[in-house]
Amino acid sequence: ADSEANLKEKKIASSTPIAQGLLGHKVGDVVDVKVPSGIMKLEI
């Protein structure tokens, strides 16, 4: 949850672009996540 996010503990808020891009996807999926620096290709 956003109120518990702490990057030092590798806890990211569900509202962040990375979390939003990953939510609902399965192992093996490759997702394109739009971040300020462009598009990141992330494989779960």
PDB file of all heavy atoms in Angstrom:
ATOM      1  N   ALA A   1       0.851  -1.188   0.000  1.00  0.00           N
ATOM      2  CA  ALA A   1       0.000   0.000   0.000  1.00  0.00           C
ATOM      3  C   ALA A   1       0.890   1.243   0.000  1.00  0.00           C
ATOM      4  O   ALA A   1       2.007   1.211   0.518  1.00  0.00           O
ATOM      5  CB  ALA A   1      -0.893  -0.020   1.228  1.00  0.00           C
ATOM      6  N   ASP A   2       0.388   2.321  -0.557  1.00  0.00           N
ATOM      7  CA  ASP A   2       1.175   3.546  -0.660  1.00  0.00           C
ATOM      8  C   ASP A   2       1.722   3.996   0.685  1.00  0.00           C
ATOM      9  O   ASP A   2       2.848   4.472   0.785  1.00  0.00           O
ATOM     10  CB  ASP A   2       0.324   4.672  -1.274  1.00  0.00           C
ATOM     11  CG  ASP A   2      -0.001   4.403  -2.737  1.00  0.00           C
ATOM     12  OD1 ASP A   2       0.301   3.299  -3.234  1.00  0.00           O
ATOM     13  OD2 ASP A   2      -0.564   5.297  -3.389  1.00  0.00           O
ATOM     14  N   SER A   3       0.939   3.822   1.750  1.00  0.00           N
ATOM     15  CA  SER A   3       1.348   4.290   3.082  1.00  0.00           C
ATOM     16  C   SER A   3       2.479   3.456   3.681  1.00  0.00           C
ATOM     17  O   SER A   3       3.080   3.854   4.664  1.00  0.00           O
ATOM     18  CB  SER A   3       0.151   4.269   4.031  1.00  0.00           C
ATOM     19  OG  SER A   3      -0.333   2.947   4.176  1.00  0.00           O
ATOM     20  N   GLU A   4       2.781   2.295   3.083  1.00  0.00           N
ATOM     21  CA  GLU A   4       3.818   1.413   3.624  1.00  0.00           C
ATOM     22  C   GLU A   4       5.055   1.337   2.730  1.00  0.00           C
ATOM     23  O   GLU A   4       5.988   0.595   3.025  1.00  0.00           O
ATOM     24  CB  GLU A   4       3.240   0.011   3.837  1.00  0.00           C
ATOM     25  CG  GLU A   4       2.125  -0.012   4.869  1.00  0.00           C
ATOM     26  CD  GLU A   4       1.512  -1.382   5.048  1.00  0.00           C
ATOM     27  OE1 GLU A   4       2.253  -2.369   5.146  1.00  0.00           O
ATOM     28  OE2 GLU A   4       0.271  -1.456   5.087  1.00  0.00           O
ATOM     29  N   ALA A   5       5.068   2.095   1.649  1.00  0.00           N
ATOM     30  CA  ALA A   5       6.192   2.053   0.712  1.00  0.00           C
ATOM     31  C   ALA A   5       7.488   2.500   1.388  1.00  0.00           C
ATOM     32  O   ALA A   5       7.494   3.417   2.198  1.00  0.00           O
ATOM     33  CB  ALA A   5       5.899   2.939  -0.496  1.00  0.00           C
ATOM     34  N   ASN A   6       8.583   1.800   1.069  1.00  0.00           N
ATOM     35  CA  ASN A   6       9.894   2.120   1.618  1.00  0.00           C
ATOM     36  C   ASN A   6      10.932   1.504   0.678  1.00  0.00           C
ATOM     37  O   ASN A   6      11.155   0.296   0.708  1.00  0.00           O
ATOM     38  CB  ASN A   6      10.023   1.556   3.032  1.00  0.00           C
ATOM     39  CG  ASN A   6      11.344   1.905   3.668  1.00  0.00           C
ATOM     40  OD1 ASN A   6      12.338   2.182   3.000  1.00  0.00           O
ATOM     41  ND2 ASN A   6      11.366   1.891   4.991  1.00  0.00           N
ATOM     42  N   LEU A   7      11.535   2.330  -0.147  1.00  0.00           N
ATOM     43  CA  LEU A   7      12.450   1.825  -1.168  1.00  0.00           C
ATOM     44  C   LEU A   7      13.675   1.125  -0.572  1.00  0.00           C
ATOM     45  O   LEU A   7      14.171   0.166  -1.150  1.00  0.00           O
ATOM     46  CB  LEU A   7      12.883   2.957  -2.103  1.00  0.00           C
ATOM     47  CG  LEU A   7      13.216   2.546  -3.528  1.00  0.00           C
ATOM     48  CD1 LEU A   7      12.143   1.658  -4.141  1.00  0.00           C
ATOM     49  CD2 LEU A   7      13.454   3.746  -4.393  1.00  0.00           C
ATOM     50  N   LYS A   8      14.134   1.571   0.603  1.00  0.00           N
ATOM     51  CA  LYS A   8      15.278   0.916   1.249  1.00  0.00           C
ATOM     52  C   LYS A   8      14.964  -0.538   1.564  1.00  0.00           C
ATOM     53  O   LYS A   8      15.835  -1.391   1.540  1.00  0.00           O
ATOM     54  CB  LYS A   8      15.661   1.635   2.545  1.00  0.00           C
ATOM     55  CG  LYS A   8      16.341   2.959   2.325  1.00  0.00           C
ATOM     56  CD  LYS A   8      16.688   3.608   3.648  1.00  0.00           C
ATOM     57  CE  LYS A   8      17.117   5.040   3.421  1.00  0.00           C
ATOM     58  NZ  LYS A   8      17.098   5.821   4.649  1.00  0.00           N
ATOM     59  N   GLU A   9      13.697  -0.824   1.882  1.00  0.00           N
ATOM     60  CA  GLU A   9      13.266  -2.192   2.185  1.00  0.00           C
ATOM     61  C   GLU A   9      12.733  -2.904   0.941  1.00  0.00           C
ATOM     62  O   GLU A   9      12.144  -3.968   1.031  1.00  0.00           O
ATOM     63  CB  GLU A   9      12.181  -2.167   3.270  1.00  0.00           C
ATOM     64  CG  GLU A   9      12.657  -1.639   4.598  1.00  0.00           C
ATOM     65  CD  GLU A   9      11.538  -1.513   5.615  1.00  0.00           C
ATOM     66  OE1 GLU A   9      10.410  -2.004   5.374  1.00  0.00           O
ATOM     67  OE2 GLU A   9      11.789  -0.912   6.672  1.00  0.00           O
ATOM     68  N   LYS A  10      12.915  -2.274  -0.221  1.00  0.00           N
ATOM     69  CA  LYS A  10      12.438  -2.794  -1.505  1.00  0.00           C
ATOM     70  C   LYS A  10      10.921  -3.009  -1.509  1.00  0.00           C
ATOM     71  O   LYS A  10      10.411  -3.983  -2.056  1.00  0.00           O
ATOM     72  CB  LYS A  10      13.181  -4.067  -1.900  1.00  0.00           C
ATOM     73  CG  LYS A  10      14.655  -3.805  -2.149  1.00  0.00           C
ATOM     74  CD  LYS A  10      15.323  -4.984  -2.790  1.00  0.00           C
ATOM     75  CE  LYS A  10      16.759  -4.595  -3.102  1.00  0.00           C
ATOM     76  NZ  LYS A  10      17.502  -5.645  -3.689  1.00  0.00           N
ATOM     77  N   LYS A  11      10.209  -2.072  -0.890  1.00  0.00           N
ATOM     78  CA  LYS A  11       8.749  -2.083  -0.875  1.00  0.00           C
ATOM     79  C   LYS A  11       8.288  -0.905  -1.720  1.00  0.00           C
ATOM     80  O   LYS A  11       8.556   0.249  -1.376  1.00  0.00           O
ATOM     81  CB  LYS A  11       8.218  -1.929   0.553  1.00  0.00           C
ATOM     82  CG  LYS A  11       8.522  -3.110   1.440  1.00  0.00           C
ATOM     83  CD  LYS A  11       7.975  -2.886   2.836  1.00  0.00           C
ATOM     84  CE  LYS A  11       8.228  -4.090   3.720  1.00  0.00           C
ATOM     85  NZ  LYS A  11       7.677  -3.882   5.072  1.00  0.00           N
ATOM     86  N   ILE A  12       7.628  -1.219  -2.848  1.00  0.00           N
ATOM     87  CA  ILE A  12       7.168  -0.132  -3.712  1.00  0.00           C
ATOM     88  C   ILE A  12       5.646   0.006  -3.613  1.00  0.00           C
ATOM     89  O   ILE A  12       4.928  -0.967  -3.426  1.00  0.00           O
ATOM     90  CB  ILE A  12       7.605  -0.321  -5.192  1.00  0.00           C
ATOM     91  CG1 ILE A  12       7.048  -1.610  -5.798  1.00  0.00           C
ATOM     92  CG2 ILE A  12       9.111  -0.256  -5.310  1.00  0.00           C
ATOM     93  CD1 ILE A  12       7.254  -1.722  -7.301  1.00  0.00           C
ATOM     94  N   ALA A  13       5.201   1.235  -3.725  1.00  0.00           N
ATOM     95  CA  ALA A  13       3.778   1.546  -3.623  1.00  0.00           C
ATOM     96  C   ALA A  13       3.024   0.972  -4.821  1.00  0.00           C
ATOM     97  O   ALA A  13       3.523   0.980  -5.953  1.00  0.00           O
ATOM     98  CB  ALA A  13       3.574   3.052  -3.548  1.00  0.00           C
ATOM     99  N   SER A  14       1.824   0.501  -4.553  1.00  0.00           N
ATOM    100  CA  SER A  14       1.005  -0.087  -5.623  1.00  0.00           C
ATOM    101  C   SER A  14       0.627   0.946  -6.686  1.00  0.00           C
ATOM    102  O   SER A  14       0.247   0.577  -7.788  1.00  0.00           O
ATOM    103  CB  SER A  14      -0.251  -0.726  -5.035  1.00  0.00           C
ATOM    104  OG  SER A  14      -1.006   0.246  -4.335  1.00  0.00           O
ATOM    105  N   SER A  15       0.760   2.227  -6.373  1.00  0.00           N
ATOM    106  CA  SER A  15       0.406   3.273  -7.335  1.00  0.00           C
ATOM    107  C   SER A  15       1.565   3.670  -8.252  1.00  0.00           C
ATOM    108  O   SER A  15       1.378   4.459  -9.176  1.00  0.00           O
ATOM    109  CB  SER A  15      -0.093   4.515  -6.594  1.00  0.00           C
ATOM    110  OG  SER A  15       0.952   5.030  -5.791  1.00  0.00           O
ATOM    111  N   THR A  16       2.763   3.109  -8.025  1.00  0.00           N
ATOM    112  CA  THR A  16       3.919   3.471  -8.859  1.00  0.00           C
ATOM    113  C   THR A  16       3.770   2.855 -10.255  1.00  0.00           C
ATOM    114  O   THR A  16       3.102   1.837 -10.422  1.00  0.00           O
ATOM    115  CB  THR A  16       5.239   2.972  -8.236  1.00  0.00           C
ATOM    116  OG1 THR A  16       5.191   1.546  -8.140  1.00  0.00           O
ATOM    117  CG2 THR A  16       5.498   3.607  -6.882  1.00  0.00           C
ATOM    118  N   PRO A  17       4.409   3.460 -11.252  1.00  0.00           N
ATOM    119  CA  PRO A  17       4.311   2.915 -12.612  1.00  0.00           C
ATOM    120  C   PRO A  17       4.757   1.453 -12.707  1.00  0.00           C
ATOM    121  O   PRO A  17       4.124   0.651 -13.398  1.00  0.00           O
ATOM    122  CB  PRO A  17       5.226   3.821 -13.437  1.00  0.00           C
ATOM    123  CG  PRO A  17       5.254   5.110 -12.686  1.00  0.00           C
ATOM    124  CD  PRO A  17       5.155   4.730 -11.231  1.00  0.00           C
ATOM    125  N   ILE A  18       5.837   1.085 -12.002  1.00  0.00           N
ATOM    126  CA  ILE A  18       6.321  -0.301 -12.069  1.00  0.00           C
ATOM    127  C   ILE A  18       5.272  -1.255 -11.503  1.00  0.00           C
ATOM    128  O   ILE A  18       4.922  -2.253 -12.129  1.00  0.00           O
ATOM    129  CB  ILE A  18       7.680  -0.462 -11.340  1.00  0.00           C
ATOM    130  CG1 ILE A  18       8.770   0.266 -12.129  1.00  0.00           C
ATOM    131  CG2 ILE A  18       8.038  -1.929 -11.172  1.00  0.00           C
ATOM    132  CD1 ILE A  18      10.125   0.309 -11.453  1.00  0.00           C
ATOM    133  N   ALA A  19       4.752  -0.935 -10.312  1.00  0.00           N
ATOM    134  CA  ALA A  19       3.730  -1.800  -9.701  1.00  0.00           C
ATOM    135  C   ALA A  19       2.488  -1.875 -10.584  1.00  0.00           C
ATOM    136  O   ALA A  19       1.952  -2.966 -10.810  1.00  0.00           O
ATOM    137  CB  ALA A  19       3.369  -1.294  -8.310  1.00  0.00           C
ATOM    138  N   GLN A  20       2.050  -0.742 -11.095  1.00  0.00           N
ATOM    139  CA  GLN A  20       0.869  -0.725 -11.952  1.00  0.00           C
ATOM    140  C   GLN A  20       1.071  -1.596 -13.194  1.00  0.00           C
ATOM    141  O   GLN A  20       0.156  -2.283 -13.625  1.00  0.00           O
ATOM    142  CB  GLN A  20       0.529   0.725 -12.380  1.00  0.00           C
ATOM    143  CG  GLN A  20      -0.058   1.565 -11.279  1.00  0.00           C
ATOM    144  CD  GLN A  20      -1.443   1.104 -10.877  1.00  0.00           C
ATOM    145  OE1 GLN A  20      -2.333   0.991 -11.709  1.00  0.00           O
ATOM    146  NE2 GLN A  20      -1.617   0.813  -9.607  1.00  0.00           N
ATOM    147  N   GLY A  21       2.285  -1.568 -13.743  1.00  0.00           N
ATOM    148  CA  GLY A  21       2.584  -2.374 -14.923  1.00  0.00           C
ATOM    149  C   GLY A  21       2.614  -3.869 -14.634  1.00  0.00           C
ATOM    150  O   GLY A  21       2.315  -4.686 -15.501  1.00  0.00           O
ATOM    151  N   LEU A  22       2.973  -4.239 -13.397  1.00  0.00           N
ATOM    152  CA  LEU A  22       3.098  -5.656 -13.037  1.00  0.00           C
ATOM    153  C   LEU A  22       1.792  -6.275 -12.544  1.00  0.00           C
ATOM    154  O   LEU A  22       1.568  -7.473 -12.737  1.00  0.00           O
ATOM    155  CB  LEU A  22       4.165  -5.820 -11.940  1.00  0.00           C
ATOM    156  CG  LEU A  22       5.596  -5.435 -12.306  1.00  0.00           C
ATOM    157  CD1 LEU A  22       6.484  -5.483 -11.076  1.00  0.00           C
ATOM    158  CD2 LEU A  22       6.142  -6.338 -13.401  1.00  0.00           C
ATOM    159  N   LEU A  23       0.954  -5.485 -11.884  1.00  0.00           N
ATOM    160  CA  LEU A  23      -0.277  -6.011 -11.286  1.00  0.00           C
ATOM    161  C   LEU A  23      -1.130  -6.768 -12.300  1.00  0.00           C
ATOM    162  O   LEU A  23      -1.361  -6.301 -13.408  1.00  0.00           O
ATOM    163  CB  LEU A  23      -1.093  -4.881 -10.649  1.00  0.00           C
ATOM    164  CG  LEU A  23      -0.495  -4.268  -9.380  1.00  0.00           C
ATOM    165  CD1 LEU A  23      -1.252  -3.006  -8.978  1.00  0.00           C
ATOM    166  CD2 LEU A  23      -0.486  -5.270  -8.230  1.00  0.00           C
ATOM    167  N   GLY A  24      -1.561  -7.964 -11.901  1.00  0.00           N
ATOM    168  CA  GLY A  24      -2.427  -8.778 -12.755  1.00  0.00           C
ATOM    169  C   GLY A  24      -1.697  -9.696 -13.723  1.00  0.00           C
ATOM    170  O   GLY A  24      -2.320 -10.531 -14.369  1.00  0.00           O
ATOM    171  N   HIS A  25      -0.385  -9.560 -13.839  1.00  0.00           N
ATOM    172  CA  HIS A  25       0.383 -10.397 -14.770  1.00  0.00           C
ATOM    173  C   HIS A  25       0.928 -11.641 -14.079  1.00  0.00           C
ATOM    174  O   HIS A  25       0.995 -11.718 -12.868  1.00  0.00           O
ATOM    175  CB  HIS A  25       1.508  -9.582 -15.414  1.00  0.00           C
ATOM    176  CG  HIS A  25       1.008  -8.558 -16.375  1.00  0.00           C
ATOM    177  ND1 HIS A  25       0.696  -8.849 -17.673  1.00  0.00           N
ATOM    178  CD2 HIS A  25       0.724  -7.246 -16.202  1.00  0.00           C
ATOM    179  CE1 HIS A  25       0.253  -7.751 -18.280  1.00  0.00           C
ATOM    180  NE2 HIS A  25       0.253  -6.764 -17.396  1.00  0.00           N
ATOM    181  N   LYS A  26       1.338 -12.636 -14.902  1.00  0.00           N
ATOM    182  CA  LYS A  26       1.798 -13.932 -14.396  1.00  0.00           C
ATOM    183  C   LYS A  26       3.292 -14.116 -14.608  1.00  0.00           C
ATOM    184  O   LYS A  26       3.913 -13.386 -15.377  1.00  0.00           O
ATOM    185  CB  LYS A  26       1.066 -15.063 -15.135  1.00  0.00           C
ATOM    186  CG  LYS A  26      -0.420 -15.059 -14.921  1.00  0.00           C
ATOM    187  CD  LYS A  26      -1.082 -16.165 -15.719  1.00  0.00           C
ATOM    188  CE  LYS A  26      -2.562 -16.131 -15.384  1.00  0.00           C
ATOM    189  NZ  LYS A  26      -3.360 -17.065 -16.048  1.00  0.00           N
ATOM    190  N   VAL A  27       3.830 -15.156 -13.968  1.00  0.00           N
ATOM    191  CA  VAL A  27       5.230 -15.523 -14.169  1.00  0.00           C
ATOM    192  C   VAL A  27       5.442 -15.806 -15.652  1.00  0.00           C
ATOM    193  O   VAL A  27       4.632 -16.481 -16.287  1.00  0.00           O
ATOM    194  CB  VAL A  27       5.607 -16.766 -13.315  1.00  0.00           C
ATOM    195  CG1 VAL A  27       6.995 -17.271 -13.683  1.00  0.00           C
ATOM    196  CG2 VAL A  27       5.544 -16.439 -11.829  1.00  0.00           C
ATOM    197  N   GLY A  28       6.522 -15.289 -16.200  1.00  0.00           N
ATOM    198  CA  GLY A  28       6.834 -15.484 -17.618  1.00  0.00           C
ATOM    199  C   GLY A  28       6.378 -14.330 -18.487  1.00  0.00           C
ATOM    200  O   GLY A  28       6.883 -14.153 -19.597  1.00  0.00           O
ATOM    201  N   ASP A  29       5.423 -13.529 -18.006  1.00  0.00           N
ATOM    202  CA  ASP A  29       4.960 -12.373 -18.778  1.00  0.00           C
ATOM    203  C   ASP A  29       6.072 -11.333 -18.882  1.00  0.00           C
ATOM    204  O   ASP A  29       6.820 -11.109 -17.932  1.00  0.00           O
ATOM    205  CB  ASP A  29       3.747 -11.704 -18.118  1.00  0.00           C
ATOM    206  CG  ASP A  29       2.461 -12.511 -18.260  1.00  0.00           C
ATOM    207  OD1 ASP A  29       2.485 -13.570 -18.928  1.00  0.00           O
ATOM    208  OD2 ASP A  29       1.433 -12.078 -17.698  1.00  0.00           O
ATOM    209  N   VAL A  30       6.176 -10.715 -20.054  1.00  0.00           N
ATOM    210  CA  VAL A  30       7.073  -9.584 -20.239  1.00  0.00           C
ATOM    211  C   VAL A  30       6.166  -8.373 -20.429  1.00  0.00           C
ATOM    212  O   VAL A  30       5.324  -8.362 -21.329  1.00  0.00           O
ATOM    213  CB  VAL A  30       8.000  -9.773 -21.461  1.00  0.00           C
ATOM    214  CG1 VAL A  30       8.864  -8.542 -21.679  1.00  0.00           C
ATOM    215  CG2 VAL A  30       8.870 -11.006 -21.284  1.00  0.00           C
ATOM    216  N   VAL A  31       6.320  -7.384 -19.562  1.00  0.00           N
ATOM    217  CA  VAL A  31       5.453  -6.213 -19.618  1.00  0.00           C
ATOM    218  C   VAL A  31       6.261  -4.963 -19.939  1.00  0.00           C
ATOM    219  O   VAL A  31       7.415  -4.847 -19.547  1.00  0.00           O
ATOM    220  CB  VAL A  31       4.662  -6.016 -18.294  1.00  0.00           C
ATOM    221  CG1 VAL A  31       3.702  -7.152 -18.068  1.00  0.00           C
ATOM    222  CG2 VAL A  31       5.578  -5.875 -17.102  1.00  0.00           C
ATOM    223  N   ASP A  32       5.644  -4.078 -20.678  1.00  0.00           N
ATOM    224  CA  ASP A  32       6.246  -2.776 -20.969  1.00  0.00           C
ATOM    225  C   ASP A  32       5.693  -1.800 -19.941  1.00  0.00           C
ATOM    226  O   ASP A  32       4.478  -1.630 -19.828  1.00  0.00           O
ATOM    227  CB  ASP A  32       5.873  -2.297 -22.378  1.00  0.00           C
ATOM    228  CG  ASP A  32       6.547  -3.119 -23.465  1.00  0.00           C
ATOM    229  OD1 ASP A  32       7.627  -3.665 -23.204  1.00  0.00           O
ATOM    230  OD2 ASP A  32       5.980  -3.217 -24.572  1.00  0.00           O
ATOM    231  N   VAL A  33       6.590  -1.179 -19.194  1.00  0.00           N
ATOM    232  CA  VAL A  33       6.180  -0.245 -18.155  1.00  0.00           C
ATOM    233  C   VAL A  33       6.662   1.145 -18.543  1.00  0.00           C
ATOM    234  O   VAL A  33       7.851   1.350 -18.795  1.00  0.00           O
ATOM    235  CB  VAL A  33       6.769  -0.650 -16.782  1.00  0.00           C
ATOM    236  CG1 VAL A  33       6.400   0.367 -15.721  1.00  0.00           C
ATOM    237  CG2 VAL A  33       6.296  -2.037 -16.398  1.00  0.00           C
ATOM    238  N   LYS A  34       5.713   2.078 -18.589  1.00  0.00           N
ATOM    239  CA  LYS A  34       6.058   3.456 -18.935  1.00  0.00           C
ATOM    240  C   LYS A  34       6.540   4.160 -17.671  1.00  0.00           C
ATOM    241  O   LYS A  34       5.819   4.273 -16.694  1.00  0.00           O
ATOM    242  CB  LYS A  34       4.844   4.174 -19.512  1.00  0.00           C
ATOM    243  CG  LYS A  34       5.176   5.515 -20.084  1.00  0.00           C
ATOM    244  CD  LYS A  34       4.003   6.116 -20.829  1.00  0.00           C
ATOM    245  CE  LYS A  34       4.476   7.343 -21.564  1.00  0.00           C
ATOM    246  NZ  LYS A  34       3.747   8.519 -21.273  1.00  0.00           N
ATOM    247  N   VAL A  35       7.800   4.583 -17.693  1.00  0.00           N
ATOM    248  CA  VAL A  35       8.409   5.325 -16.588  1.00  0.00           C
ATOM    249  C   VAL A  35       8.887   6.670 -17.142  1.00  0.00           C
ATOM    250  O   VAL A  35       8.948   6.837 -18.353  1.00  0.00           O
ATOM    251  CB  VAL A  35       9.592   4.535 -15.945  1.00  0.00           C
ATOM    252  CG1 VAL A  35       9.086   3.290 -15.235  1.00  0.00           C
ATOM    253  CG2 VAL A  35      10.629   4.167 -16.976  1.00  0.00           C
ATOM    254  N   PRO A  36       9.206   7.614 -16.271  1.00  0.00           N
ATOM    255  CA  PRO A  36       9.624   8.933 -16.772  1.00  0.00           C
ATOM    256  C   PRO A  36      10.752   8.891 -17.808  1.00  0.00           C
ATOM    257  O   PRO A  36      10.779   9.708 -18.719  1.00  0.00           O
ATOM    258  CB  PRO A  36      10.074   9.665 -15.501  1.00  0.00           C
ATOM    259  CG  PRO A  36       9.248   9.053 -14.420  1.00  0.00           C
ATOM    260  CD  PRO A  36       9.115   7.593 -14.805  1.00  0.00           C
ATOM    261  N   SER A  37      11.662   7.919 -17.689  1.00  0.00           N
ATOM    262  CA  SER A  37      12.790   7.860 -18.633  1.00  0.00           C
ATOM    263  C   SER A  37      12.456   7.105 -19.923  1.00  0.00           C
ATOM    264  O   SER A  37      13.320   6.935 -20.770  1.00  0.00           O
ATOM    265  CB  SER A  37      14.002   7.221 -17.954  1.00  0.00           C
ATOM    266  OG  SER A  37      13.684   5.907 -17.545  1.00  0.00           O
ATOM    267  N   GLY A  38      11.225   6.629 -20.069  1.00  0.00           N
ATOM    268  CA  GLY A  38      10.837   5.899 -21.283  1.00  0.00           C
ATOM    269  C   GLY A  38      10.059   4.646 -20.959  1.00  0.00           C
ATOM    270  O   GLY A  38       9.254   4.620 -20.037  1.00  0.00           O
ATOM    271  N   ILE A  39      10.324   3.581 -21.723  1.00  0.00           N
ATOM    272  CA  ILE A  39       9.633   2.303 -21.521  1.00  0.00           C
ATOM    273  C   ILE A  39      10.633   1.275 -21.002  1.00  0.00           C
ATOM    274  O   ILE A  39      11.716   1.125 -21.557  1.00  0.00           O
ATOM    275  CB  ILE A  39       9.030   1.785 -22.853  1.00  0.00           C
ATOM    276  CG1 ILE A  39       8.054   2.793 -23.461  1.00  0.00           C
ATOM    277  CG2 ILE A  39       8.379   0.422 -22.668  1.00  0.00           C
ATOM    278  CD1 ILE A  39       6.716   2.890 -22.780  1.00  0.00           C
ATOM    279  N   MET A  40      10.241   0.586 -19.920  1.00  0.00           N
ATOM    280  CA  MET A  40      11.074  -0.498 -19.384  1.00  0.00           C
ATOM    281  C   MET A  40      10.414  -1.814 -19.739  1.00  0.00           C
ATOM    282  O   MET A  40       9.208  -1.960 -19.595  1.00  0.00           O
ATOM    283  CB  MET A  40      11.149  -0.412 -17.848  1.00  0.00           C
ATOM    284  CG  MET A  40      11.957   0.714 -17.300  1.00  0.00           C
ATOM    285  SD  MET A  40      11.818   0.856 -15.493  1.00  0.00           S
ATOM    286  CE  MET A  40      12.543  -0.646 -14.931  1.00  0.00           C
ATOM    287  N   LYS A  41      11.208  -2.762 -20.221  1.00  0.00           N
ATOM    288  CA  LYS A  41      10.713  -4.120 -20.473  1.00  0.00           C
ATOM    289  C   LYS A  41      11.076  -4.959 -19.261  1.00  0.00           C
ATOM    290  O   LYS A  41      12.243  -5.167 -18.965  1.00  0.00           O
ATOM    291  CB  LYS A  41      11.373  -4.709 -21.719  1.00  0.00           C
ATOM    292  CG  LYS A  41      10.496  -4.728 -22.931  1.00  0.00           C
ATOM    293  CD  LYS A  41      11.092  -5.634 -23.989  1.00  0.00           C
ATOM    294  CE  LYS A  41      10.360  -5.606 -25.296  1.00  0.00           C
ATOM    295  NZ  LYS A  41       9.002  -5.172 -25.312  1.00  0.00           N
ATOM    296  N   LEU A  42      10.051  -5.435 -18.553  1.00  0.00           N
ATOM    297  CA  LEU A  42      10.268  -6.221 -17.345  1.00  0.00           C
ATOM    298  C   LEU A  42       9.656  -7.602 -17.501  1.00  0.00           C
ATOM    299  O   LEU A  42       8.501  -7.728 -17.908  1.00  0.00           O
ATOM    300  CB  LEU A  42       9.641  -5.522 -16.135  1.00  0.00           C
ATOM    301  CG  LEU A  42      10.112  -4.105 -15.836  1.00  0.00           C
ATOM    302  CD1 LEU A  42       9.307  -3.510 -14.694  1.00  0.00           C
ATOM    303  CD2 LEU A  42      11.596  -4.098 -15.496  1.00  0.00           C
ATOM    304  N   GLU A  43      10.433  -8.619 -17.184  1.00  0.00           N
ATOM    305  CA  GLU A  43       9.947  -9.986 -17.220  1.00  0.00           C
ATOM    306  C   GLU A  43       9.712 -10.469 -15.795  1.00  0.00           C
ATOM    307  O   GLU A  43      10.577 -10.315 -14.935  1.00  0.00           O
ATOM    308  CB  GLU A  43      10.964 -10.903 -17.915  1.00  0.00           C
ATOM    309  CG  GLU A  43      10.496 -12.353 -17.990  1.00  0.00           C
ATOM    310  CD  GLU A  43      11.507 -13.252 -18.694  1.00  0.00           C
ATOM    311  OE1 GLU A  43      12.516 -12.752 -19.224  1.00  0.00           O
ATOM    312  OE2 GLU A  43      11.282 -14.480 -18.686  1.00  0.00           O
ATOM    313  N   ILE A  44       8.536 -11.037 -15.548  1.00  0.00           N
ATOM    314  CA  ILE A  44       8.227 -11.534 -14.224  1.00  0.00           C
ATOM    315  C   ILE A  44       8.807 -12.934 -14.081  1.00  0.00           C
ATOM    316  O   ILE A  44       8.427 -13.863 -14.801  1.00  0.00           O
ATOM    317  CB  ILE A  44       6.697 -11.558 -13.987  1.00  0.00           C
ATOM    318  CG1 ILE A  44       6.141 -10.138 -14.129  1.00  0.00           C
ATOM    319  CG2 ILE A  44       6.359 -12.147 -12.616  1.00  0.00           C
ATOM    320  CD1 ILE A  44       4.635 -10.055 -14.173  1.00  0.00           C
TER     321      ILE A  44
END
